[in-house]
Each structure stands twice: as structure tokens, then as C-alpha cells.
Amino acid sequence: MERYTGKIAILGSGNIGISLAKGLVKASYVEAKQISLTRRNITKLSSFAEDGYVLSADNAAVVAASDIIVLAVLPQQLNDLMEQIAGVIDVQKHVVISVASGVSCADIRNKLHEKLEVIRAMPNTAIAIGQSMTCVATDNASASHVDEVVRMFETVGAVVKINEELMTSATALCACGIAFFLRAIRAASQGGVEIGFHADEALKMAVQTAKGAADLLLKMQSHPEQEIDKVTSPKGCTIAGLNEMEHNGFSSSLIKGIKLSAIKAGALYTKE
């Protein structure tokens, strides 16, 4: 991978921000010394200083010295953060990446600068192991800057470019979706216990079965129903179990949950 030569500021270095920083360095996209990490309590980041990252509690100073700015705080904290850095934003130099749910590119420009290039990215917690599904969108950034952001997030998983109006939907399907699939795995393991396995055995079996199902679709490039057809024989045990789940609302409850999460994701940020 071609090395990026600029400096990156990750403001609000929680799980997502730290995982991104580690992924960028691990993939040799940048060296640790090119990344500044900020947090109100930087003592929690002390171990990163030993690895060469720049640590600071001064968001404005870090932004002034950087090229790419990653806003990695909760939506409820974003207005305060933007107030801190608005005075040092340079539209000729800076590109802003926001990972805050429900916050539009226009919302950020309204607080920082009307001509600022803003790109939204929505990763999920699998970023910690380099397996994120990250969606990227913008309404004004150049193709070259979007490509740069895609390259960044490809160091920590897969990336899809989407239209900005779909970003809250991406939050529900990919970011909230991690929890939905984890709950399905937990339920499967509990079913395993009920039919005779020890809890640790049942969980291992459910996790590997879920991983196998996902890898089948990724590697075979097939549709779920094609793979389901391969394991459902006439009057068989698989179709009996599937139909029982559907009678109890398995698919519809998942769909309803995703729809509600999308509504909630769009209402996390207040403009004032």
C-alpha cells in the first residue's frame, strides 16, 4: 500500500478511533508518529505514546497541525468538539471525516466552514479486528479525497460508497447490525444447551456455524436462499426448524428492529 505522507488527527479516541489508528499503522498506511490521538483524559492513552503516537488533550492545536481530521466522538458530544476547533479549520488544507451517527455533512459545515470538504464514515465494532463493514458518503468532497478515505478504512475491513441519505440506514444495518447478529448467535447457543450441549461447547459451535454461513456467502458470491436450499430436504429437519422460526416472526422481527434502529440513529444528534 502506498504510504500517506500527511498527518491525521483522531479526535475522541475511543474504541473506533483507536482501532482505526492501529489499523492504519498495521497496514503501513502511515507511521504512528503521523497520527495524533486526543481525549479528555489522555492518561487512558498513555500506552500509545510508547508506540510513537502523538497524544494531546488540545483538540484545536492538534487540528492546526494535521491534514485529515477524524471526528470520532458521540453525536451528543460533537457540537462542543466543533466549537473547540472551528477557529483553526483551514479549508485549503483540511478534510474532515465524521463517524458520528445521524450527523450530516451539511451539519458539520454549518458549524465549521461552509466550504470545508466533509466525508462521513460509518464503521462497526469489528473494526477492532480489521473486519469492519464501513460505509462512506459525502455531498461535496472531491473524488480523490473520497478515495483516500476509502483506502484508510480498507485497512480495517470492507468499504462501500453510498449516497449520504442512506447513512442512517447504514448505521442500523452495519453498526447496530453487529448486535443483532450477536444476539442471534447467543440464541442459537442457548438452543444448543437446551438440546444437550454444555454452554461453552454450544457457543463455540454456534459461532463457527455463523462464521461459516457468512463466509459461504462472501466466497461463493451466492444468495442466502441458494445456500438454504442446499440444506433443506423434503420433510426434513432443517425446513421444519426454519418454518417454526418464521411462524414466530424470525425474519419480520429482524426487519422491524433494523427499521426502528434507523429511525433512532437519525435522531441522535441535535443541531443546537
C-alpha atoms as a PDB file:
ATOM      1  CA  MET A   1       0.000   0.000   0.000  1.00  0.00           C
ATOM      2  CA  GLU A   2       1.260   3.477  -0.889  1.00  0.00           C
ATOM      3  CA  ARG A   3       2.105   5.365   2.290  1.00  0.00           C
ATOM      4  CA  TYR A   4       0.133   8.525   3.132  1.00  0.00           C
ATOM      5  CA  THR A   5       2.506  11.425   3.816  1.00  0.00           C
ATOM      6  CA  GLY A   6       0.247  13.835   5.713  1.00  0.00           C
ATOM      7  CA  LYS A   7      -0.825  13.974   9.333  1.00  0.00           C
ATOM      8  CA  ILE A   8      -4.038  12.545  10.775  1.00  0.00           C
ATOM      9  CA  ALA A   9      -5.860  13.789  13.874  1.00  0.00           C
ATOM     10  CA  ILE A  10      -8.298  11.415  15.568  1.00  0.00           C
ATOM     11  CA  LEU A  11     -10.406  13.492  17.938  1.00  0.00           C
ATOM     12  CA  GLY A  12     -12.134  11.432  20.622  1.00  0.00           C
ATOM     13  CA  SER A  13     -10.012   8.316  20.699  1.00  0.00           C
ATOM     14  CA  GLY A  14     -12.437   5.679  21.948  1.00  0.00           C
ATOM     15  CA  ASN A  15     -12.805   2.163  20.557  1.00  0.00           C
ATOM     16  CA  ILE A  16     -13.466   3.208  16.949  1.00  0.00           C
ATOM     17  CA  GLY A  17     -10.762   5.889  16.813  1.00  0.00           C
ATOM     18  CA  ILE A  18      -8.097   3.714  18.421  1.00  0.00           C
ATOM     19  CA  SER A  19      -8.937   0.736  16.219  1.00  0.00           C
ATOM     20  CA  LEU A  20      -8.654   2.926  13.118  1.00  0.00           C
ATOM     21  CA  ALA A  21      -5.278   4.268  14.282  1.00  0.00           C
ATOM     22  CA  LYS A  22      -3.953   0.747  14.898  1.00  0.00           C
ATOM     23  CA  GLY A  23      -5.261  -0.448  11.530  1.00  0.00           C
ATOM     24  CA  LEU A  24      -3.620   2.392   9.629  1.00  0.00           C
ATOM     25  CA  VAL A  25      -0.247   1.709  11.245  1.00  0.00           C
ATOM     26  CA  LYS A  26      -0.505  -2.079  10.937  1.00  0.00           C
ATOM     27  CA  ALA A  27      -1.228  -1.741   7.203  1.00  0.00           C
ATOM     28  CA  SER A  28       1.729   0.689   6.802  1.00  0.00           C
ATOM     29  CA  TYR A  29      -0.655   3.382   5.576  1.00  0.00           C
ATOM     30  CA  VAL A  30       1.118   5.769   7.966  1.00  0.00           C
ATOM     31  CA  GLU A  31       3.636   5.611  10.784  1.00  0.00           C
ATOM     32  CA  ALA A  32       2.379   6.066  14.348  1.00  0.00           C
ATOM     33  CA  LYS A  33       4.105   9.452  14.615  1.00  0.00           C
ATOM     34  CA  GLN A  34       1.815  10.788  11.853  1.00  0.00           C
ATOM     35  CA  ILE A  35      -1.305  10.171  13.981  1.00  0.00           C
ATOM     36  CA  SER A  36      -2.414  12.404  16.842  1.00  0.00           C
ATOM     37  CA  LEU A  37      -4.903  10.973  19.327  1.00  0.00           C
ATOM     38  CA  THR A  38      -6.973  13.239  21.552  1.00  0.00           C
ATOM     39  CA  ARG A  39      -9.177  12.504  24.524  1.00  0.00           C
ATOM     40  CA  ARG A  40     -10.287  14.494  27.537  1.00  0.00           C
ATOM     41  CA  ASN A  41      -8.457  12.089  29.825  1.00  0.00           C
ATOM     42  CA  ILE A  42      -5.276  11.267  27.930  1.00  0.00           C
ATOM     43  CA  THR A  43      -3.910   9.107  30.748  1.00  0.00           C
ATOM     44  CA  LYS A  44      -6.090   6.357  29.255  1.00  0.00           C
ATOM     45  CA  LEU A  45      -3.973   6.619  26.105  1.00  0.00           C
ATOM     46  CA  SER A  46      -0.566   6.577  27.798  1.00  0.00           C
ATOM     47  CA  SER A  47       0.438   3.208  26.337  1.00  0.00           C
ATOM     48  CA  PHE A  48       0.099   4.661  22.828  1.00  0.00           C
ATOM     49  CA  ALA A  49       2.856   7.196  23.480  1.00  0.00           C
ATOM     50  CA  GLU A  50       5.282   4.277  23.799  1.00  0.00           C
ATOM     51  CA  ASP A  51       4.243   3.134  20.306  1.00  0.00           C
ATOM     52  CA  GLY A  52       5.010   6.537  18.804  1.00  0.00           C
ATOM     53  CA  TYR A  53       1.563   8.140  18.550  1.00  0.00           C
ATOM     54  CA  VAL A  54       1.184  11.822  19.429  1.00  0.00           C
ATOM     55  CA  LEU A  55      -1.150  12.322  22.403  1.00  0.00           C
ATOM     56  CA  SER A  56      -2.941  15.546  23.308  1.00  0.00           C
ATOM     57  CA  ALA A  57      -5.940  16.942  25.143  1.00  0.00           C
ATOM     58  CA  ASP A  58      -5.831  20.109  22.991  1.00  0.00           C
ATOM     59  CA  ASN A  59      -8.112  19.460  20.022  1.00  0.00           C
ATOM     60  CA  ALA A  60      -7.520  22.848  18.381  1.00  0.00           C
ATOM     61  CA  ALA A  61      -3.724  22.519  18.452  1.00  0.00           C
ATOM     62  CA  VAL A  62      -3.864  19.015  17.007  1.00  0.00           C
ATOM     63  CA  VAL A  63      -6.207  20.096  14.201  1.00  0.00           C
ATOM     64  CA  ALA A  64      -3.966  23.029  13.279  1.00  0.00           C
ATOM     65  CA  ALA A  65      -1.043  20.630  12.815  1.00  0.00           C
ATOM     66  CA  SER A  66      -2.963  17.967  10.825  1.00  0.00           C
ATOM     67  CA  ASP A  67      -4.370  17.375   7.336  1.00  0.00           C
ATOM     68  CA  ILE A  68      -7.094  14.770   7.839  1.00  0.00           C
ATOM     69  CA  ILE A  69      -9.376  15.305  10.843  1.00  0.00           C
ATOM     70  CA  VAL A  70     -11.411  12.367  12.165  1.00  0.00           C
ATOM     71  CA  LEU A  71     -14.349  13.347  14.397  1.00  0.00           C
ATOM     72  CA  ALA A  72     -14.757  10.198  16.484  1.00  0.00           C
ATOM     73  CA  VAL A  73     -16.939  11.365  19.368  1.00  0.00           C
ATOM     74  CA  LEU A  74     -20.565  10.559  20.193  1.00  0.00           C
ATOM     75  CA  PRO A  75     -23.183  12.684  18.391  1.00  0.00           C
ATOM     76  CA  GLN A  76     -24.115  14.274  21.732  1.00  0.00           C
ATOM     77  CA  GLN A  77     -20.500  15.496  22.167  1.00  0.00           C
ATOM     78  CA  LEU A  78     -19.967  16.723  18.629  1.00  0.00           C
ATOM     79  CA  ASN A  79     -21.203  20.320  18.942  1.00  0.00           C
ATOM     80  CA  ASP A  80     -18.818  21.015  21.822  1.00  0.00           C
ATOM     81  CA  LEU A  81     -15.921  19.499  19.874  1.00  0.00           C
ATOM     82  CA  MET A  82     -16.693  21.542  16.759  1.00  0.00           C
ATOM     83  CA  GLU A  83     -16.789  24.734  18.821  1.00  0.00           C
ATOM     84  CA  GLN A  84     -13.264  23.955  20.032  1.00  0.00           C
ATOM     85  CA  ILE A  85     -11.803  23.502  16.542  1.00  0.00           C
ATOM     86  CA  ALA A  86     -13.824  25.894  14.345  1.00  0.00           C
ATOM     87  CA  GLY A  87     -11.274  28.701  14.693  1.00  0.00           C
ATOM     88  CA  VAL A  88      -8.378  26.656  13.298  1.00  0.00           C
ATOM     89  CA  ILE A  89     -10.106  24.988  10.352  1.00  0.00           C
ATOM     90  CA  ASP A  90      -8.328  25.692   7.037  1.00  0.00           C
ATOM     91  CA  VAL A  91     -10.491  24.747   4.036  1.00  0.00           C
ATOM     92  CA  GLN A  92      -7.451  24.731   1.732  1.00  0.00           C
ATOM     93  CA  LYS A  93      -5.755  22.109   3.877  1.00  0.00           C
ATOM     94  CA  HIS A  94      -8.243  20.140   5.945  1.00  0.00           C
ATOM     95  CA  VAL A  95     -10.519  17.235   5.082  1.00  0.00           C
ATOM     96  CA  VAL A  96     -12.920  16.182   7.832  1.00  0.00           C
ATOM     97  CA  ILE A  97     -14.116  12.609   8.365  1.00  0.00           C
ATOM     98  CA  SER A  98     -17.050  12.166  10.732  1.00  0.00           C
ATOM     99  CA  VAL A  99     -18.028   8.835  12.263  1.00  0.00           C
ATOM    100  CA  ALA A 100     -20.838  10.375  14.343  1.00  0.00           C
ATOM    101  CA  SER A 101     -24.256   8.780  13.755  1.00  0.00           C
ATOM    102  CA  GLY A 102     -27.050  10.920  12.345  1.00  0.00           C
ATOM    103  CA  VAL A 103     -24.889  13.986  11.620  1.00  0.00           C
ATOM    104  CA  SER A 104     -24.951  15.209   8.011  1.00  0.00           C
ATOM    105  CA  CYS A 105     -22.045  16.713   6.106  1.00  0.00           C
ATOM    106  CA  ALA A 106     -24.067  19.952   5.970  1.00  0.00           C
ATOM    107  CA  ASP A 107     -24.480  19.930   9.779  1.00  0.00           C
ATOM    108  CA  ILE A 108     -20.698  19.827  10.152  1.00  0.00           C
ATOM    109  CA  ARG A 109     -20.058  22.530   7.567  1.00  0.00           C
ATOM    110  CA  ASN A 110     -22.612  24.768   9.279  1.00  0.00           C
ATOM    111  CA  LYS A 111     -20.518  24.601  12.457  1.00  0.00           C
ATOM    112  CA  LEU A 112     -17.028  24.639  10.933  1.00  0.00           C
ATOM    113  CA  HIS A 113     -16.898  26.253   7.454  1.00  0.00           C
ATOM    114  CA  GLU A 114     -19.303  26.267   4.512  1.00  0.00           C
ATOM    115  CA  LYS A 115     -16.569  25.302   2.006  1.00  0.00           C
ATOM    116  CA  LEU A 116     -14.990  22.534   4.096  1.00  0.00           C
ATOM    117  CA  GLU A 117     -14.809  19.083   2.493  1.00  0.00           C
ATOM    118  CA  VAL A 118     -16.620  16.626   4.774  1.00  0.00           C
ATOM    119  CA  ILE A 119     -16.868  12.854   4.393  1.00  0.00           C
ATOM    120  CA  ARG A 120     -18.958  10.615   6.610  1.00  0.00           C
ATOM    121  CA  ALA A 121     -17.836   7.104   7.523  1.00  0.00           C
ATOM    122  CA  MET A 122     -19.835   4.534   9.457  1.00  0.00           C
ATOM    123  CA  PRO A 123     -17.697   1.596  10.652  1.00  0.00           C
ATOM    124  CA  ASN A 124     -18.766  -1.039  13.164  1.00  0.00           C
ATOM    125  CA  THR A 125     -17.055  -2.545  16.196  1.00  0.00           C
ATOM    126  CA  ALA A 126     -15.471  -5.338  14.129  1.00  0.00           C
ATOM    127  CA  ILE A 127     -13.009  -2.585  13.184  1.00  0.00           C
ATOM    128  CA  ALA A 128     -11.097  -3.781  16.272  1.00  0.00           C
ATOM    129  CA  ILE A 129     -10.111  -6.989  14.420  1.00  0.00           C
ATOM    130  CA  GLY A 130      -9.857  -5.480  10.937  1.00  0.00           C
ATOM    131  CA  GLN A 131     -13.267  -6.824   9.874  1.00  0.00           C
ATOM    132  CA  SER A 132     -15.433  -3.694   9.849  1.00  0.00           C
ATOM    133  CA  MET A 133     -18.146  -3.084   7.292  1.00  0.00           C
ATOM    134  CA  THR A 134     -17.683   0.663   6.722  1.00  0.00           C
ATOM    135  CA  CYS A 135     -19.987   2.811   4.611  1.00  0.00           C
ATOM    136  CA  VAL A 136     -18.638   6.102   3.225  1.00  0.00           C
ATOM    137  CA  ALA A 137     -20.602   9.085   1.878  1.00  0.00           C
ATOM    138  CA  THR A 138     -20.192  12.766   1.051  1.00  0.00           C
ATOM    139  CA  ASP A 139     -22.075  15.614  -0.564  1.00  0.00           C
ATOM    140  CA  ASN A 140     -19.158  17.847  -1.561  1.00  0.00           C
ATOM    141  CA  ALA A 141     -15.757  16.158  -1.216  1.00  0.00           C
ATOM    142  CA  SER A 142     -13.533  15.552  -4.239  1.00  0.00           C
ATOM    143  CA  ALA A 143     -13.210  12.068  -5.705  1.00  0.00           C
ATOM    144  CA  SER A 144      -9.538  11.979  -4.720  1.00  0.00           C
ATOM    145  CA  HIS A 145     -10.328  12.711  -1.066  1.00  0.00           C
ATOM    146  CA  VAL A 146     -13.127  10.134  -1.022  1.00  0.00           C
ATOM    147  CA  ASP A 147     -10.733   7.575  -2.487  1.00  0.00           C
ATOM    148  CA  GLU A 148      -8.217   8.432   0.242  1.00  0.00           C
ATOM    149  CA  VAL A 149     -10.831   7.835   2.949  1.00  0.00           C
ATOM    150  CA  VAL A 150     -11.834   4.544   1.321  1.00  0.00           C
ATOM    151  CA  ARG A 151      -8.159   3.492   1.369  1.00  0.00           C
ATOM    152  CA  MET A 152      -7.959   4.404   5.057  1.00  0.00           C
ATOM    153  CA  PHE A 153     -10.935   2.301   6.067  1.00  0.00           C
ATOM    154  CA  GLU A 154      -9.949  -0.608   3.819  1.00  0.00           C
ATOM    155  CA  THR A 155      -7.077  -1.110   6.283  1.00  0.00           C
ATOM    156  CA  VAL A 156      -9.705  -2.188   8.855  1.00  0.00           C
ATOM    157  CA  GLY A 157     -12.230  -4.114   6.744  1.00  0.00           C
ATOM    158  CA  ALA A 158     -14.538  -3.755   3.747  1.00  0.00           C
ATOM    159  CA  VAL A 159     -15.831  -0.420   2.421  1.00  0.00           C
ATOM    160  CA  VAL A 160     -18.887   0.560   0.371  1.00  0.00           C
ATOM    161  CA  LYS A 161     -19.518   4.068  -1.006  1.00  0.00           C
ATOM    162  CA  ILE A 162     -23.184   5.073  -0.663  1.00  0.00           C
ATOM    163  CA  ASN A 163     -25.391   8.146  -1.047  1.00  0.00           C
ATOM    164  CA  GLU A 164     -25.453  10.303   2.071  1.00  0.00           C
ATOM    165  CA  GLU A 165     -29.204   9.950   2.593  1.00  0.00           C
ATOM    166  CA  LEU A 166     -28.596   6.246   3.276  1.00  0.00           C
ATOM    167  CA  MET A 167     -26.095   6.780   6.104  1.00  0.00           C
ATOM    168  CA  THR A 168     -28.578   6.370   8.960  1.00  0.00           C
ATOM    169  CA  SER A 169     -29.757   3.186   7.247  1.00  0.00           C
ATOM    170  CA  ALA A 170     -26.136   2.029   7.099  1.00  0.00           C
ATOM    171  CA  THR A 171     -25.853   2.715  10.823  1.00  0.00           C
ATOM    172  CA  ALA A 172     -28.789   0.397  11.529  1.00  0.00           C
ATOM    173  CA  LEU A 173     -27.742  -2.396   9.163  1.00  0.00           C
ATOM    174  CA  CYS A 174     -23.987  -2.431   9.816  1.00  0.00           C
ATOM    175  CA  ALA A 175     -23.201  -0.712  13.123  1.00  0.00           C
ATOM    176  CA  CYS A 176     -26.303  -1.763  15.085  1.00  0.00           C
ATOM    177  CA  GLY A 177     -26.375  -4.929  12.993  1.00  0.00           C
ATOM    178  CA  ILE A 178     -23.353  -6.357  14.810  1.00  0.00           C
ATOM    179  CA  ALA A 179     -25.516  -6.586  17.941  1.00  0.00           C
ATOM    180  CA  PHE A 180     -28.383  -8.213  16.030  1.00  0.00           C
ATOM    181  CA  PHE A 181     -26.192 -10.994  14.650  1.00  0.00           C
ATOM    182  CA  LEU A 182     -24.513 -11.463  18.035  1.00  0.00           C
ATOM    183  CA  ARG A 183     -27.923 -11.871  19.662  1.00  0.00           C
ATOM    184  CA  ALA A 184     -28.855 -14.483  17.029  1.00  0.00           C
ATOM    185  CA  ILE A 185     -25.651 -16.391  17.814  1.00  0.00           C
ATOM    186  CA  ARG A 186     -26.394 -16.224  21.536  1.00  0.00           C
ATOM    187  CA  ALA A 187     -29.903 -17.524  20.944  1.00  0.00           C
ATOM    188  CA  ALA A 188     -28.561 -20.402  18.847  1.00  0.00           C
ATOM    189  CA  SER A 189     -26.104 -21.323  21.598  1.00  0.00           C
ATOM    190  CA  GLN A 190     -28.919 -21.295  24.178  1.00  0.00           C
ATOM    191  CA  GLY A 191     -30.874 -23.624  21.929  1.00  0.00           C
ATOM    192  CA  GLY A 192     -27.802 -25.846  21.839  1.00  0.00           C
ATOM    193  CA  VAL A 193     -27.738 -26.025  25.619  1.00  0.00           C
ATOM    194  CA  GLU A 194     -31.414 -26.981  25.695  1.00  0.00           C
ATOM    195  CA  ILE A 195     -30.788 -29.916  23.350  1.00  0.00           C
ATOM    196  CA  GLY A 196     -27.875 -31.280  25.349  1.00  0.00           C
ATOM    197  CA  PHE A 197     -24.580 -29.400  24.905  1.00  0.00           C
ATOM    198  CA  HIS A 198     -22.554 -27.653  27.579  1.00  0.00           C
ATOM    199  CA  ALA A 199     -22.692 -23.856  27.300  1.00  0.00           C
ATOM    200  CA  ASP A 200     -19.084 -23.441  26.118  1.00  0.00           C
ATOM    201  CA  GLU A 201     -19.499 -26.204  23.522  1.00  0.00           C
ATOM    202  CA  ALA A 202     -22.781 -24.770  22.263  1.00  0.00           C
ATOM    203  CA  LEU A 203     -21.338 -21.259  21.920  1.00  0.00           C
ATOM    204  CA  LYS A 204     -18.279 -22.464  20.010  1.00  0.00           C
ATOM    205  CA  MET A 205     -20.494 -24.499  17.671  1.00  0.00           C
ATOM    206  CA  ALA A 206     -22.924 -21.594  17.099  1.00  0.00           C
ATOM    207  CA  VAL A 207     -20.122 -19.078  16.464  1.00  0.00           C
ATOM    208  CA  GLN A 208     -18.309 -21.264  13.946  1.00  0.00           C
ATOM    209  CA  THR A 209     -21.570 -22.154  12.202  1.00  0.00           C
ATOM    210  CA  ALA A 210     -22.440 -18.440  11.878  1.00  0.00           C
ATOM    211  CA  LYS A 211     -18.935 -17.670  10.581  1.00  0.00           C
ATOM    212  CA  GLY A 212     -19.216 -20.485   8.081  1.00  0.00           C
ATOM    213  CA  ALA A 213     -22.566 -19.165   6.850  1.00  0.00           C
ATOM    214  CA  ALA A 214     -21.146 -15.668   6.333  1.00  0.00           C
ATOM    215  CA  ASP A 215     -18.014 -16.950   4.607  1.00  0.00           C
ATOM    216  CA  LEU A 216     -20.114 -19.118   2.295  1.00  0.00           C
ATOM    217  CA  LEU A 217     -21.927 -16.036   1.011  1.00  0.00           C
ATOM    218  CA  LEU A 218     -18.758 -13.945   0.735  1.00  0.00           C
ATOM    219  CA  LYS A 219     -16.645 -16.567  -1.009  1.00  0.00           C
ATOM    220  CA  MET A 220     -19.313 -18.223  -3.148  1.00  0.00           C
ATOM    221  CA  GLN A 221     -20.942 -14.874  -4.031  1.00  0.00           C
ATOM    222  CA  SER A 222     -24.278 -16.602  -3.653  1.00  0.00           C
ATOM    223  CA  HIS A 223     -27.678 -15.621  -2.241  1.00  0.00           C
ATOM    224  CA  PRO A 224     -28.719 -16.900   1.227  1.00  0.00           C
ATOM    225  CA  GLU A 225     -31.672 -18.786  -0.225  1.00  0.00           C
ATOM    226  CA  GLN A 226     -29.380 -20.700  -2.592  1.00  0.00           C
ATOM    227  CA  GLU A 227     -27.361 -21.962   0.371  1.00  0.00           C
ATOM    228  CA  ILE A 228     -30.515 -22.631   2.409  1.00  0.00           C
ATOM    229  CA  ASP A 229     -31.878 -24.796  -0.423  1.00  0.00           C
ATOM    230  CA  LYS A 230     -28.782 -26.997  -0.156  1.00  0.00           C
ATOM    231  CA  VAL A 231     -29.632 -27.953   3.444  1.00  0.00           C
ATOM    232  CA  THR A 232     -33.432 -28.185   3.263  1.00  0.00           C
ATOM    233  CA  SER A 233     -34.679 -31.562   2.059  1.00  0.00           C
ATOM    234  CA  PRO A 234     -38.369 -32.521   1.679  1.00  0.00           C
ATOM    235  CA  LYS A 235     -39.980 -33.244   5.054  1.00  0.00           C
ATOM    236  CA  GLY A 236     -36.567 -32.694   6.624  1.00  0.00           C
ATOM    237  CA  CYS A 237     -35.463 -31.326   9.980  1.00  0.00           C
ATOM    238  CA  THR A 238     -33.961 -28.061   8.637  1.00  0.00           C
ATOM    239  CA  ILE A 239     -37.112 -26.830   6.894  1.00  0.00           C
ATOM    240  CA  ALA A 240     -39.165 -27.782   9.949  1.00  0.00           C
ATOM    241  CA  GLY A 241     -36.950 -25.644  12.169  1.00  0.00           C
ATOM    242  CA  LEU A 242     -36.866 -22.722   9.709  1.00  0.00           C
ATOM    243  CA  ASN A 243     -40.630 -22.681   9.304  1.00  0.00           C
ATOM    244  CA  GLU A 244     -41.164 -22.794  13.072  1.00  0.00           C
ATOM    245  CA  MET A 245     -38.889 -19.738  13.425  1.00  0.00           C
ATOM    246  CA  GLU A 246     -40.749 -17.914  10.650  1.00  0.00           C
ATOM    247  CA  HIS A 247     -44.125 -18.719  12.232  1.00  0.00           C
ATOM    248  CA  ASN A 248     -42.794 -16.929  15.317  1.00  0.00           C
ATOM    249  CA  GLY A 249     -41.660 -13.869  13.367  1.00  0.00           C
ATOM    250  CA  PHE A 250     -37.919 -14.504  12.929  1.00  0.00           C
ATOM    251  CA  SER A 251     -37.421 -12.537   9.707  1.00  0.00           C
ATOM    252  CA  SER A 252     -40.072  -9.910  10.372  1.00  0.00           C
ATOM    253  CA  SER A 253     -38.717  -9.117  13.853  1.00  0.00           C
ATOM    254  CA  LEU A 254     -35.224  -8.621  12.453  1.00  0.00           C
ATOM    255  CA  ILE A 255     -36.543  -6.357   9.704  1.00  0.00           C
ATOM    256  CA  LYS A 256     -38.615  -4.339  12.189  1.00  0.00           C
ATOM    257  CA  GLY A 257     -35.618  -3.986  14.504  1.00  0.00           C
ATOM    258  CA  ILE A 258     -33.417  -2.663  11.694  1.00  0.00           C
ATOM    259  CA  LYS A 259     -36.100  -0.165  10.665  1.00  0.00           C
ATOM    260  CA  LEU A 260     -36.521   1.137  14.221  1.00  0.00           C
ATOM    261  CA  SER A 261     -32.747   1.433  14.704  1.00  0.00           C
ATOM    262  CA  ALA A 262     -32.539   3.516  11.525  1.00  0.00           C
ATOM    263  CA  ILE A 263     -35.170   5.921  12.901  1.00  0.00           C
ATOM    264  CA  LYS A 264     -33.328   6.197  16.215  1.00  0.00           C
ATOM    265  CA  ALA A 265     -29.951   6.691  14.507  1.00  0.00           C
ATOM    266  CA  GLY A 266     -31.291   9.697  12.629  1.00  0.00           C
ATOM    267  CA  ALA A 267     -32.391  11.383  15.868  1.00  0.00           C
ATOM    268  CA  LEU A 268     -29.208  11.067  17.974  1.00  0.00           C
ATOM    269  CA  TYR A 269     -27.781  14.477  17.031  1.00  0.00           C
ATOM    270  CA  THR A 270     -29.311  17.852  17.789  1.00  0.00           C
ATOM    271  CA  LYS A 271     -28.181  20.809  15.704  1.00  0.00           C
ATOM    272  CA  GLU A 272     -28.220  23.192  18.660  1.00  0.00           C
END
